Amino acid sequence: MNNWLYILYALLIALVSIITGEIVTFVMLGLILISLQNIHRTLKEILKVNKEK
């Protein structure tokens, strides 16, 4: 997935959270998305290393 798509998702979630007044939810979802992205990147690197062996 491209970076611009993540930015679009973040803006959409931010807009909904501002309208509903749930800013804390937006922050928590952002932290979860960043963590999942880091895990995904790490797993892709591990897979790449294993395929090279």
C-alpha atoms as a PDB file:
ATOM      1  CA  MET A   1       0.000   0.000   0.000  1.00  0.00           C
ATOM      2  CA  ASN A   2       1.216   3.479  -0.753  1.00  0.00           C
ATOM      3  CA  ASN A   3       1.897   6.231   1.736  1.00  0.00           C
ATOM      4  CA  TRP A   4      -0.772   8.486   0.250  1.00  0.00           C
ATOM      5  CA  LEU A   5      -3.393   5.854   0.990  1.00  0.00           C
ATOM      6  CA  TYR A   6      -2.394   5.809   4.671  1.00  0.00           C
ATOM      7  CA  ILE A   7      -2.606   9.594   4.738  1.00  0.00           C
ATOM      8  CA  LEU A   8      -6.077   9.421   3.210  1.00  0.00           C
ATOM      9  CA  TYR A   9      -7.189   6.888   5.835  1.00  0.00           C
ATOM     10  CA  ALA A  10      -5.753   9.049   8.617  1.00  0.00           C
ATOM     11  CA  LEU A  11      -7.544  12.146   7.344  1.00  0.00           C
ATOM     12  CA  LEU A  12     -10.817  10.266   7.053  1.00  0.00           C
ATOM     13  CA  ILE A  13     -10.531   8.881  10.585  1.00  0.00           C
ATOM     14  CA  ALA A  14      -9.531  12.349  11.865  1.00  0.00           C
ATOM     15  CA  LEU A  15     -12.555  13.936  10.248  1.00  0.00           C
ATOM     16  CA  VAL A  16     -14.917  11.370  11.744  1.00  0.00           C
ATOM     17  CA  SER A  17     -13.299  11.666  15.174  1.00  0.00           C
ATOM     18  CA  ILE A  18     -13.557  15.469  15.156  1.00  0.00           C
ATOM     19  CA  ILE A  19     -17.217  15.305  14.159  1.00  0.00           C
ATOM     20  CA  THR A  20     -18.021  12.737  16.858  1.00  0.00           C
ATOM     21  CA  GLY A  21     -15.735  14.322  19.462  1.00  0.00           C
ATOM     22  CA  GLU A  22     -13.618  11.209  20.015  1.00  0.00           C
ATOM     23  CA  ILE A  23     -10.109  12.601  19.658  1.00  0.00           C
ATOM     24  CA  VAL A  24      -8.611  10.015  22.028  1.00  0.00           C
ATOM     25  CA  THR A  25      -9.923   7.247  19.779  1.00  0.00           C
ATOM     26  CA  PHE A  26      -8.184   8.850  16.813  1.00  0.00           C
ATOM     27  CA  VAL A  27      -4.867   8.996  18.674  1.00  0.00           C
ATOM     28  CA  MET A  28      -5.165   5.364  19.780  1.00  0.00           C
ATOM     29  CA  LEU A  29      -6.072   4.192  16.278  1.00  0.00           C
ATOM     30  CA  GLY A  30      -3.097   6.096  14.929  1.00  0.00           C
ATOM     31  CA  LEU A  31      -0.751   4.386  17.367  1.00  0.00           C
ATOM     32  CA  ILE A  32      -2.206   0.991  16.494  1.00  0.00           C
ATOM     33  CA  LEU A  33      -1.838   1.626  12.759  1.00  0.00           C
ATOM     34  CA  ILE A  34       1.788   2.726  13.171  1.00  0.00           C
ATOM     35  CA  SER A  35       2.552  -0.379  15.239  1.00  0.00           C
ATOM     36  CA  LEU A  36       0.925  -2.686  12.706  1.00  0.00           C
ATOM     37  CA  GLN A  37       2.826  -1.026   9.865  1.00  0.00           C
ATOM     38  CA  ASN A  38       6.128  -1.560  11.701  1.00  0.00           C
ATOM     39  CA  ILE A  39       5.286  -5.218  12.337  1.00  0.00           C
ATOM     40  CA  HIS A  40       4.360  -5.687   8.676  1.00  0.00           C
ATOM     41  CA  ARG A  41       7.619  -4.116   7.488  1.00  0.00           C
ATOM     42  CA  THR A  42       9.649  -6.315   9.842  1.00  0.00           C
ATOM     43  CA  LEU A  43       7.886  -9.475   8.691  1.00  0.00           C
ATOM     44  CA  LYS A  44       8.510  -8.553   5.048  1.00  0.00           C
ATOM     45  CA  GLU A  45      12.223  -8.098   5.791  1.00  0.00           C
ATOM     46  CA  ILE A  46      12.379 -11.481   7.547  1.00  0.00           C
ATOM     47  CA  LEU A  47      10.654 -13.142   4.593  1.00  0.00           C
ATOM     48  CA  LYS A  48      13.076 -11.512   2.169  1.00  0.00           C
ATOM     49  CA  VAL A  49      16.085 -12.739   4.178  1.00  0.00           C
ATOM     50  CA  ASN A  50      14.668 -16.274   4.380  1.00  0.00           C
ATOM     51  CA  LYS A  51      14.047 -16.403   0.629  1.00  0.00           C
ATOM     52  CA  GLU A  52      17.661 -15.382  -0.053  1.00  0.00           C
ATOM     53  CA  LYS A  53      19.008 -18.335   1.944  1.00  0.00           C
END
